[in-house]
Amino acid sequence: MTGDSKSAMQAKLTTMLRHLDELEKRLPAAVEAYLGDRDRQLAVERLCQLVVECAIDANALLLSALGEPPPQSAREGFEGVERNGVLDPSLSHLFRFTLVSFRHRLVHDYERLDNRIVHRTARRLLEAGRQYVAAVSAFLSRQV
């Protein structure tokens, strides 16, 4: 892995952490406070989208740096980083089957969003996003 690819990855992780910090500020612990504030809902939805997209982008950068072909889908990217020992299977599974689908629903408005589910999923994303950054950062620190 080159220094340039590590720098690109670290920049992406820094951006992801900024989005996670902003999400944490805007996402109230109580769902009732979330349900009554449409401006907050829109901000949270956009930040969730950005966090997942940062992870998707980071996966592509990482796989490329490891000499692998680019992933053909977001799910394939998470499979690839799991296969390379970067993410544990449970975190990879959460991103592949819950958070990527959540992002698709946010972006493409496939269905009417249930704001209670958005709140709950955003809370899960806060934890999972930080776990993702920690796992990728640890992997990068082991690379010479």
C-alpha atoms as a PDB file:
ATOM      1  CA  MET A   1       0.000   0.000   0.000  1.00  0.00           C
ATOM      2  CA  THR A   2       1.464   3.336  -1.004  1.00  0.00           C
ATOM      3  CA  GLY A   3       1.653   6.438   1.137  1.00  0.00           C
ATOM      4  CA  ASP A   4      -0.715   8.206  -1.257  1.00  0.00           C
ATOM      5  CA  SER A   5      -3.367   5.513  -0.940  1.00  0.00           C
ATOM      6  CA  LYS A   6      -3.053   5.571   2.861  1.00  0.00           C
ATOM      7  CA  SER A   7      -3.436   9.356   2.833  1.00  0.00           C
ATOM      8  CA  ALA A   8      -6.533   9.128   0.646  1.00  0.00           C
ATOM      9  CA  MET A   9      -8.023   6.532   2.972  1.00  0.00           C
ATOM     10  CA  GLN A  10      -7.250   8.576   6.078  1.00  0.00           C
ATOM     11  CA  ALA A  11      -8.817  11.658   4.494  1.00  0.00           C
ATOM     12  CA  LYS A  12     -11.983   9.681   3.738  1.00  0.00           C
ATOM     13  CA  LEU A  13     -12.092   8.370   7.323  1.00  0.00           C
ATOM     14  CA  THR A  14     -11.626  11.904   8.673  1.00  0.00           C
ATOM     15  CA  THR A  15     -14.560  13.079   6.566  1.00  0.00           C
ATOM     16  CA  MET A  16     -16.637  10.168   7.799  1.00  0.00           C
ATOM     17  CA  LEU A  17     -15.843  11.057  11.419  1.00  0.00           C
ATOM     18  CA  ARG A  18     -16.862  14.677  10.810  1.00  0.00           C
ATOM     19  CA  HIS A  19     -20.209  13.474   9.452  1.00  0.00           C
ATOM     20  CA  LEU A  20     -20.630  11.114  12.412  1.00  0.00           C
ATOM     21  CA  ASP A  21     -19.901  13.936  14.860  1.00  0.00           C
ATOM     22  CA  GLU A  22     -22.472  16.146  13.138  1.00  0.00           C
ATOM     23  CA  LEU A  23     -24.991  13.305  13.106  1.00  0.00           C
ATOM     24  CA  GLU A  24     -24.483  12.748  16.805  1.00  0.00           C
ATOM     25  CA  LYS A  25     -25.150  16.459  17.495  1.00  0.00           C
ATOM     26  CA  ARG A  26     -28.340  16.509  15.459  1.00  0.00           C
ATOM     27  CA  LEU A  27     -29.811  13.146  16.474  1.00  0.00           C
ATOM     28  CA  PRO A  28     -31.629  13.350  19.810  1.00  0.00           C
ATOM     29  CA  ALA A  29     -31.649  10.327  22.066  1.00  0.00           C
ATOM     30  CA  ALA A  30     -35.424  10.497  22.385  1.00  0.00           C
ATOM     31  CA  VAL A  31     -37.373   9.592  19.280  1.00  0.00           C
ATOM     32  CA  GLU A  32     -40.159  12.023  20.228  1.00  0.00           C
ATOM     33  CA  ALA A  33     -37.819  15.010  19.841  1.00  0.00           C
ATOM     34  CA  TYR A  34     -36.829  13.682  16.433  1.00  0.00           C
ATOM     35  CA  LEU A  35     -40.380  13.083  15.236  1.00  0.00           C
ATOM     36  CA  GLY A  36     -41.451  16.652  15.853  1.00  0.00           C
ATOM     37  CA  ASP A  37     -38.686  18.400  13.903  1.00  0.00           C
ATOM     38  CA  ARG A  38     -38.748  18.083  10.089  1.00  0.00           C
ATOM     39  CA  ASP A  39     -35.590  20.176   9.621  1.00  0.00           C
ATOM     40  CA  ARG A  40     -33.735  17.851  11.968  1.00  0.00           C
ATOM     41  CA  GLN A  41     -35.099  14.821  10.115  1.00  0.00           C
ATOM     42  CA  LEU A  42     -33.813  16.115   6.784  1.00  0.00           C
ATOM     43  CA  ALA A  43     -30.371  16.845   8.249  1.00  0.00           C
ATOM     44  CA  VAL A  44     -30.166  13.403   9.869  1.00  0.00           C
ATOM     45  CA  GLU A  45     -31.234  11.652   6.665  1.00  0.00           C
ATOM     46  CA  ARG A  46     -28.573  13.483   4.643  1.00  0.00           C
ATOM     47  CA  LEU A  47     -25.851  12.814   7.214  1.00  0.00           C
ATOM     48  CA  CYS A  48     -26.746   9.121   7.297  1.00  0.00           C
ATOM     49  CA  GLN A  49     -26.446   9.015   3.526  1.00  0.00           C
ATOM     50  CA  LEU A  50     -23.042  10.720   3.655  1.00  0.00           C
ATOM     51  CA  VAL A  51     -21.679   8.403   6.355  1.00  0.00           C
ATOM     52  CA  VAL A  52     -22.609   5.271   4.418  1.00  0.00           C
ATOM     53  CA  GLU A  53     -21.232   6.760   1.192  1.00  0.00           C
ATOM     54  CA  CYS A  54     -17.917   7.517   2.912  1.00  0.00           C
ATOM     55  CA  ALA A  55     -17.650   3.874   3.936  1.00  0.00           C
ATOM     56  CA  ILE A  56     -18.515   2.742   0.407  1.00  0.00           C
ATOM     57  CA  ASP A  57     -15.859   5.062  -1.040  1.00  0.00           C
ATOM     58  CA  ALA A  58     -13.301   3.982   1.559  1.00  0.00           C
ATOM     59  CA  ASN A  59     -13.930   0.343   0.662  1.00  0.00           C
ATOM     60  CA  ALA A  60     -13.224   1.039  -3.009  1.00  0.00           C
ATOM     61  CA  LEU A  61     -10.032   2.931  -2.155  1.00  0.00           C
ATOM     62  CA  LEU A  62      -8.857   0.188   0.172  1.00  0.00           C
ATOM     63  CA  LEU A  63      -9.549  -2.637  -2.242  1.00  0.00           C
ATOM     64  CA  SER A  64      -7.772  -0.755  -5.014  1.00  0.00           C
ATOM     65  CA  ALA A  65      -4.751  -0.183  -2.760  1.00  0.00           C
ATOM     66  CA  LEU A  66      -4.697  -3.921  -2.066  1.00  0.00           C
ATOM     67  CA  GLY A  67      -4.596  -4.653  -5.800  1.00  0.00           C
ATOM     68  CA  GLU A  68      -8.150  -5.919  -6.043  1.00  0.00           C
ATOM     69  CA  PRO A  69     -10.590  -4.967  -8.792  1.00  0.00           C
ATOM     70  CA  PRO A  70     -13.094  -2.263  -7.935  1.00  0.00           C
ATOM     71  CA  PRO A  71     -16.267  -3.538  -6.304  1.00  0.00           C
ATOM     72  CA  GLN A  72     -19.273  -3.697  -8.593  1.00  0.00           C
ATOM     73  CA  SER A  73     -21.672  -2.771  -5.811  1.00  0.00           C
ATOM     74  CA  ALA A  74     -21.669  -1.292  -2.341  1.00  0.00           C
ATOM     75  CA  ARG A  75     -22.340  -4.715  -0.857  1.00  0.00           C
ATOM     76  CA  GLU A  76     -19.451  -6.232  -2.786  1.00  0.00           C
ATOM     77  CA  GLY A  77     -17.135  -3.572  -1.336  1.00  0.00           C
ATOM     78  CA  PHE A  78     -18.024  -4.578   2.215  1.00  0.00           C
ATOM     79  CA  GLU A  79     -17.564  -8.244   1.302  1.00  0.00           C
ATOM     80  CA  GLY A  80     -14.107  -7.406  -0.057  1.00  0.00           C
ATOM     81  CA  VAL A  81     -12.902  -5.587   3.032  1.00  0.00           C
ATOM     82  CA  GLU A  82     -14.241  -8.398   5.208  1.00  0.00           C
ATOM     83  CA  ARG A  83     -12.462 -10.970   3.039  1.00  0.00           C
ATOM     84  CA  ASN A  84      -9.216  -9.022   3.502  1.00  0.00           C
ATOM     85  CA  GLY A  85      -9.553  -9.104   7.280  1.00  0.00           C
ATOM     86  CA  VAL A  86     -10.396  -5.432   7.731  1.00  0.00           C
ATOM     87  CA  LEU A  87     -13.939  -5.785   9.084  1.00  0.00           C
ATOM     88  CA  ASP A  88     -15.355  -8.499  11.257  1.00  0.00           C
ATOM     89  CA  PRO A  89     -18.267 -10.408   9.702  1.00  0.00           C
ATOM     90  CA  SER A  90     -20.951  -8.940  11.967  1.00  0.00           C
ATOM     91  CA  LEU A  91     -20.027  -5.329  11.143  1.00  0.00           C
ATOM     92  CA  SER A  92     -19.714  -6.133   7.453  1.00  0.00           C
ATOM     93  CA  HIS A  93     -23.116  -7.842   7.542  1.00  0.00           C
ATOM     94  CA  LEU A  94     -24.731  -4.839   9.244  1.00  0.00           C
ATOM     95  CA  PHE A  95     -23.414  -2.503   6.560  1.00  0.00           C
ATOM     96  CA  ARG A  96     -24.184  -4.839   3.644  1.00  0.00           C
ATOM     97  CA  PHE A  97     -27.712  -5.785   4.573  1.00  0.00           C
ATOM     98  CA  THR A  98     -29.033  -2.951   6.727  1.00  0.00           C
ATOM     99  CA  LEU A  99     -27.136   0.272   6.214  1.00  0.00           C
ATOM    100  CA  VAL A 100     -26.598   0.067   2.441  1.00  0.00           C
ATOM    101  CA  SER A 101     -30.316  -0.666   1.986  1.00  0.00           C
ATOM    102  CA  PHE A 102     -31.132   2.210   4.326  1.00  0.00           C
ATOM    103  CA  ARG A 103     -28.965   4.535   2.222  1.00  0.00           C
ATOM    104  CA  HIS A 104     -30.741   3.378  -0.953  1.00  0.00           C
ATOM    105  CA  ARG A 105     -34.128   4.148   0.584  1.00  0.00           C
ATOM    106  CA  LEU A 106     -32.938   7.591   1.680  1.00  0.00           C
ATOM    107  CA  VAL A 107     -31.449   8.481  -1.707  1.00  0.00           C
ATOM    108  CA  HIS A 108     -34.009   6.975  -4.046  1.00  0.00           C
ATOM    109  CA  ASP A 109     -37.110   7.472  -1.914  1.00  0.00           C
ATOM    110  CA  TYR A 110     -38.281   3.957  -2.728  1.00  0.00           C
ATOM    111  CA  GLU A 111     -40.910   4.066  -0.060  1.00  0.00           C
ATOM    112  CA  ARG A 112     -42.340   6.378   2.500  1.00  0.00           C
ATOM    113  CA  LEU A 113     -39.836   6.517   5.331  1.00  0.00           C
ATOM    114  CA  ASP A 114     -40.968   5.685   8.835  1.00  0.00           C
ATOM    115  CA  ASN A 115     -39.219   8.309  10.960  1.00  0.00           C
ATOM    116  CA  ARG A 116     -39.095   5.971  13.950  1.00  0.00           C
ATOM    117  CA  ILE A 117     -37.099   3.492  11.855  1.00  0.00           C
ATOM    118  CA  VAL A 118     -34.871   6.281  10.531  1.00  0.00           C
ATOM    119  CA  HIS A 119     -34.138   7.379  14.099  1.00  0.00           C
ATOM    120  CA  ARG A 120     -33.378   3.838  15.249  1.00  0.00           C
ATOM    121  CA  THR A 121     -31.199   3.096  12.210  1.00  0.00           C
ATOM    122  CA  ALA A 122     -29.329   6.391  12.565  1.00  0.00           C
ATOM    123  CA  ARG A 123     -28.543   5.470  16.196  1.00  0.00           C
ATOM    124  CA  ARG A 124     -27.147   2.133  14.975  1.00  0.00           C
ATOM    125  CA  LEU A 125     -25.158   3.907  12.273  1.00  0.00           C
ATOM    126  CA  LEU A 126     -23.463   6.129  14.842  1.00  0.00           C
ATOM    127  CA  GLU A 127     -22.006   3.103  16.584  1.00  0.00           C
ATOM    128  CA  ALA A 128     -21.332   1.080  13.429  1.00  0.00           C
ATOM    129  CA  GLY A 129     -19.713   4.043  11.679  1.00  0.00           C
ATOM    130  CA  ARG A 130     -17.275   4.579  14.524  1.00  0.00           C
ATOM    131  CA  GLN A 131     -16.509   0.845  14.612  1.00  0.00           C
ATOM    132  CA  TYR A 132     -15.869   0.955  10.860  1.00  0.00           C
ATOM    133  CA  VAL A 133     -13.442   3.889  11.201  1.00  0.00           C
ATOM    134  CA  ALA A 134     -11.615   2.152  14.068  1.00  0.00           C
ATOM    135  CA  ALA A 135     -11.297  -1.117  12.138  1.00  0.00           C
ATOM    136  CA  VAL A 136     -10.036   0.508   8.936  1.00  0.00           C
ATOM    137  CA  SER A 137      -7.666   2.782  10.874  1.00  0.00           C
ATOM    138  CA  ALA A 138      -6.229  -0.217  12.718  1.00  0.00           C
ATOM    139  CA  PHE A 139      -5.758  -2.048   9.423  1.00  0.00           C
ATOM    140  CA  LEU A 140      -4.020   0.969   7.875  1.00  0.00           C
ATOM    141  CA  SER A 141      -1.680   1.287  10.863  1.00  0.00           C
ATOM    142  CA  ARG A 142      -0.529  -2.309  10.304  1.00  0.00           C
ATOM    143  CA  GLN A 143       0.324  -1.630   6.660  1.00  0.00           C
ATOM    144  CA  VAL A 144       3.906  -0.687   5.819  1.00  0.00           C
END
